C-alpha atoms as a PDB file:
ATOM      1  CA  MET A   1       6.021  16.121 -17.305  1.00  0.00           C
ATOM      2  CA  SER A   2       2.321  15.487 -16.911  1.00  0.00           C
ATOM      3  CA  LEU A   3       1.315  18.995 -18.061  1.00  0.00           C
ATOM      4  CA  ASP A   4       3.408  18.619 -21.214  1.00  0.00           C
ATOM      5  CA  LYS A   5       1.731  15.332 -22.039  1.00  0.00           C
ATOM      6  CA  LYS A   6      -1.727  16.708 -21.225  1.00  0.00           C
ATOM      7  CA  SER A   7      -1.203  19.625 -23.625  1.00  0.00           C
ATOM      8  CA  GLN A   8      -0.808  17.049 -26.429  1.00  0.00           C
ATOM      9  CA  LEU A   9      -4.278  15.628 -25.827  1.00  0.00           C
ATOM     10  CA  SER A  10      -7.510  16.610 -27.554  1.00  0.00           C
ATOM     11  CA  ASP A  11     -10.550  17.691 -25.557  1.00  0.00           C
ATOM     12  CA  LYS A  12     -12.089  14.269 -25.984  1.00  0.00           C
ATOM     13  CA  GLN A  13      -8.897  12.561 -24.681  1.00  0.00           C
ATOM     14  CA  LEU A  14      -8.791  14.990 -21.725  1.00  0.00           C
ATOM     15  CA  ALA A  15     -12.362  13.954 -20.884  1.00  0.00           C
ATOM     16  CA  ILE A  16     -11.372  10.324 -21.110  1.00  0.00           C
ATOM     17  CA  LEU A  17      -8.373  11.013 -18.858  1.00  0.00           C
ATOM     18  CA  GLU A  18     -10.542  12.664 -16.257  1.00  0.00           C
ATOM     19  CA  SER A  19     -13.073   9.806 -16.448  1.00  0.00           C
ATOM     20  CA  GLU A  20     -10.377   7.180 -16.035  1.00  0.00           C
ATOM     21  CA  MET A  21      -8.776   9.071 -13.145  1.00  0.00           C
ATOM     22  CA  GLN A  22     -12.138   9.103 -11.315  1.00  0.00           C
ATOM     23  CA  ASN A  23     -11.981   5.269 -11.523  1.00  0.00           C
ATOM     24  CA  HIS A  24      -8.340   5.044 -10.458  1.00  0.00           C
ATOM     25  CA  ARG A  25      -7.853   7.896  -8.028  1.00  0.00           C
ATOM     26  CA  LYS A  26      -6.916   6.887  -4.491  1.00  0.00           C
ATOM     27  CA  SER A  27      -8.229   8.688  -1.409  1.00  0.00           C
ATOM     28  CA  VAL A  28      -6.014   9.823   1.482  1.00  0.00           C
ATOM     29  CA  GLY A  29      -8.934   9.452   3.862  1.00  0.00           C
ATOM     30  CA  LEU A  30      -9.660   5.824   2.851  1.00  0.00           C
ATOM     31  CA  ALA A  31      -5.983   5.016   2.974  1.00  0.00           C
ATOM     32  CA  TYR A  32      -5.818   6.275   6.580  1.00  0.00           C
ATOM     33  CA  VAL A  33      -8.936   4.320   7.549  1.00  0.00           C
ATOM     34  CA  LEU A  34      -7.389   1.148   6.069  1.00  0.00           C
ATOM     35  CA  LEU A  35      -4.098   1.906   7.863  1.00  0.00           C
ATOM     36  CA  ILE A  36      -5.752   2.392  11.222  1.00  0.00           C
ATOM     37  CA  PHE A  37      -8.059  -0.609  11.099  1.00  0.00           C
ATOM     38  CA  LEU A  38      -6.218  -3.086   8.844  1.00  0.00           C
ATOM     39  CA  GLY A  39      -2.690  -1.732   8.764  1.00  0.00           C
ATOM     40  CA  SER A  40      -1.260  -4.749  10.543  1.00  0.00           C
ATOM     41  CA  ILE A  41      -2.095  -6.908   7.522  1.00  0.00           C
ATOM     42  CA  GLY A  42      -1.083  -4.325   4.925  1.00  0.00           C
ATOM     43  CA  VAL A  43      -4.448  -3.618   3.360  1.00  0.00           C
ATOM     44  CA  HIS A  44      -3.566   0.066   2.857  1.00  0.00           C
ATOM     45  CA  GLN A  45      -0.488  -0.935   0.824  1.00  0.00           C
ATOM     46  CA  PHE A  46      -2.580  -3.290  -1.367  1.00  0.00           C
ATOM     47  CA  TYR A  47      -5.059  -0.411  -1.850  1.00  0.00           C
ATOM     48  CA  LEU A  48      -2.237   1.813  -3.107  1.00  0.00           C
ATOM     49  CA  GLY A  49      -1.051  -0.875  -5.554  1.00  0.00           C
ATOM     50  CA  LYS A  50       2.101  -1.722  -3.621  1.00  0.00           C
ATOM     51  CA  THR A  51       1.629  -5.462  -3.559  1.00  0.00           C
ATOM     52  CA  VAL A  52       5.154  -6.419  -2.365  1.00  0.00           C
ATOM     53  CA  ARG A  53       4.943  -3.962   0.550  1.00  0.00           C
ATOM     54  CA  GLY A  54       1.469  -5.258   1.366  1.00  0.00           C
ATOM     55  CA  ILE A  55       2.822  -8.805   1.472  1.00  0.00           C
ATOM     56  CA  VAL A  56       5.647  -7.689   3.811  1.00  0.00           C
ATOM     57  CA  TYR A  57       3.136  -6.170   6.185  1.00  0.00           C
ATOM     58  CA  LEU A  58       0.913  -9.240   5.960  1.00  0.00           C
ATOM     59  CA  VAL A  59       3.758 -11.658   6.673  1.00  0.00           C
ATOM     60  CA  LEU A  60       5.076  -9.535   9.556  1.00  0.00           C
ATOM     61  CA  GLY A  61       1.613  -9.189  11.033  1.00  0.00           C
ATOM     62  CA  ILE A  62       0.689 -12.851  10.821  1.00  0.00           C
ATOM     63  CA  ALA A  63       4.130 -14.191  11.763  1.00  0.00           C
ATOM     64  CA  GLY A  64       4.475 -11.722  14.585  1.00  0.00           C
ATOM     65  CA  GLY A  65       0.988 -12.416  15.967  1.00  0.00           C
ATOM     66  CA  VAL A  66       1.247 -16.184  15.686  1.00  0.00           C
ATOM     67  CA  THR A  67       4.776 -16.484  17.128  1.00  0.00           C
ATOM     68  CA  PHE A  68       4.066 -14.018  19.942  1.00  0.00           C
ATOM     69  CA  PHE A  69       0.831 -15.801  20.889  1.00  0.00           C
ATOM     70  CA  SER A  70       2.478 -19.248  20.545  1.00  0.00           C
ATOM     71  CA  GLY A  71       5.401 -18.093  22.638  1.00  0.00           C
ATOM     72  CA  GLY A  72       3.050 -16.848  25.332  1.00  0.00           C
ATOM     73  CA  MET A  73       1.094 -20.101  25.346  1.00  0.00           C
ATOM     74  CA  ALA A  74       4.303 -22.137  25.453  1.00  0.00           C
ATOM     75  CA  ALA A  75       5.577 -20.023  28.349  1.00  0.00           C
ATOM     76  CA  LEU A  76       2.359 -20.652  30.235  1.00  0.00           C
ATOM     77  CA  ALA A  77       2.785 -24.386  29.618  1.00  0.00           C
ATOM     78  CA  GLY A  78       6.378 -24.204  30.839  1.00  0.00           C
ATOM     79  CA  ALA A  79       8.118 -25.009  27.539  1.00  0.00           C
ATOM     80  CA  SER A  80      11.759 -24.108  27.305  1.00  0.00           C
ATOM     81  CA  SER A  81      11.497 -22.830  23.693  1.00  0.00           C
ATOM     82  CA  ALA A  82       8.869 -20.248  24.624  1.00  0.00           C
ATOM     83  CA  GLY A  83      11.379 -17.406  25.050  1.00  0.00           C
ATOM     84  CA  GLY A  84      12.788 -17.642  21.515  1.00  0.00           C
ATOM     85  CA  LEU A  85       9.427 -17.937  19.901  1.00  0.00           C
ATOM     86  CA  GLY A  86       8.010 -15.010  21.806  1.00  0.00           C
ATOM     87  CA  PHE A  87      11.097 -12.954  21.046  1.00  0.00           C
ATOM     88  CA  LEU A  88      10.697 -13.629  17.303  1.00  0.00           C
ATOM     89  CA  GLY A  89       7.113 -12.434  17.582  1.00  0.00           C
ATOM     90  CA  ILE A  90       8.193  -9.263  19.344  1.00  0.00           C
ATOM     91  CA  ILE A  91      10.794  -8.568  16.608  1.00  0.00           C
ATOM     92  CA  CYS A  92       8.229  -9.004  13.840  1.00  0.00           C
ATOM     93  CA  LEU A  93       5.607  -6.888  15.585  1.00  0.00           C
ATOM     94  CA  THR A  94       8.163  -4.159  16.366  1.00  0.00           C
ATOM     95  CA  ALA A  95       9.253  -4.017  12.718  1.00  0.00           C
ATOM     96  CA  LEU A  96       5.602  -3.856  11.684  1.00  0.00           C
ATOM     97  CA  GLY A  97       4.923  -1.088  14.225  1.00  0.00           C
ATOM     98  CA  ILE A  98       7.804   0.985  12.868  1.00  0.00           C
ATOM     99  CA  LEU A  99       6.522   0.570   9.286  1.00  0.00           C
ATOM    100  CA  ILE A 100       3.006   1.601  10.345  1.00  0.00           C
ATOM    101  CA  LEU A 101       4.359   4.613  12.234  1.00  0.00           C
ATOM    102  CA  ILE A 102       6.280   5.673   9.145  1.00  0.00           C
ATOM    103  CA  ASP A 103       3.129   5.270   7.069  1.00  0.00           C
ATOM    104  CA  LEU A 104       1.176   7.524   9.448  1.00  0.00           C
ATOM    105  CA  PHE A 105       3.406  10.408   8.406  1.00  0.00           C
ATOM    106  CA  THR A 106       4.064   9.485   4.711  1.00  0.00           C
ATOM    107  CA  LEU A 107       0.659   8.238   3.613  1.00  0.00           C
ATOM    108  CA  PRO A 108      -0.441  11.460   1.849  1.00  0.00           C
ATOM    109  CA  LYS A 109       2.741  11.403  -0.255  1.00  0.00           C
ATOM    110  CA  GLN A 110       2.221   7.669  -1.018  1.00  0.00           C
ATOM    111  CA  VAL A 111      -1.340   8.382  -2.196  1.00  0.00           C
ATOM    112  CA  ARG A 112      -0.158  11.297  -4.325  1.00  0.00           C
ATOM    113  CA  THR A 113       2.507   9.106  -5.890  1.00  0.00           C
ATOM    114  CA  ALA A 114       0.005   6.336  -6.639  1.00  0.00           C
ATOM    115  CA  ASN A 115      -2.311   8.853  -8.273  1.00  0.00           C
ATOM    116  CA  GLU A 116       0.519  10.326 -10.331  1.00  0.00           C
ATOM    117  CA  GLU A 117       1.583   6.878 -11.506  1.00  0.00           C
ATOM    118  CA  ALA A 118      -1.990   6.009 -12.508  1.00  0.00           C
ATOM    119  CA  GLU A 119      -2.338   9.281 -14.402  1.00  0.00           C
ATOM    120  CA  GLY A 120       1.020   8.632 -16.099  1.00  0.00           C
ATOM    121  CA  LYS A 121      -0.091   5.214 -17.306  1.00  0.00           C
ATOM    122  CA  ILE A 122      -3.402   6.509 -18.570  1.00  0.00           C
ATOM    123  CA  LEU A 123      -1.659   9.423 -20.354  1.00  0.00           C
ATOM    124  CA  SER A 124       0.799   7.081 -22.021  1.00  0.00           C
ATOM    125  CA  GLN A 125      -2.002   4.874 -23.260  1.00  0.00           C
ATOM    126  CA  LEU A 126      -3.931   7.838 -24.603  1.00  0.00           C
ATOM    127  CA  LEU A 127      -0.830   9.213 -26.363  1.00  0.00           C
ATOM    128  CA  ILE A 128      -0.080   5.742 -27.902  1.00  0.00           C
ATOM    129  CA  SER A 129      -3.630   5.446 -29.135  1.00  0.00           C
ATOM    130  CA  ARG A 130      -3.404   8.974 -30.600  1.00  0.00           C
ATOM    131  CA  ASP A 131      -0.181   8.220 -32.362  1.00  0.00           C
ATOM    132  CA  LYS A 132      -1.717   5.040 -33.852  1.00  0.00           C
ATOM    133  CA  GLY A 133      -4.564   7.217 -35.190  1.00  0.00           C
ATOM    134  CA  GLU A 134      -7.326   5.648 -33.157  1.00  0.00           C
END
């Protein structure tokens, strides 16, 4: 699909496409660094433009951390509700851990997809501007 659209562009538009892709291209290396150091709050998903997924990671990370810590503190204080709160934290953190583990293996494909989507949007804009005669 992309090659077909690229063949319709002039040399000037191809140069514009490459220039724009330099600005929008995502790096697998940076995505892994973000995953390793800030994955529990979803920064790598925000970097890839996946806002909803990033929010899910952020909510799971914060909710899991807060409820797990609160449950532990309540257990130390002898509160009877400590078990349920700590268990909720464990569930959230386990779900987050599974998502991060999946991302460890699928991150290159996610970056490739994000780059292809960015290129597709730029190509569409260039073809629309070409058709309008700009």
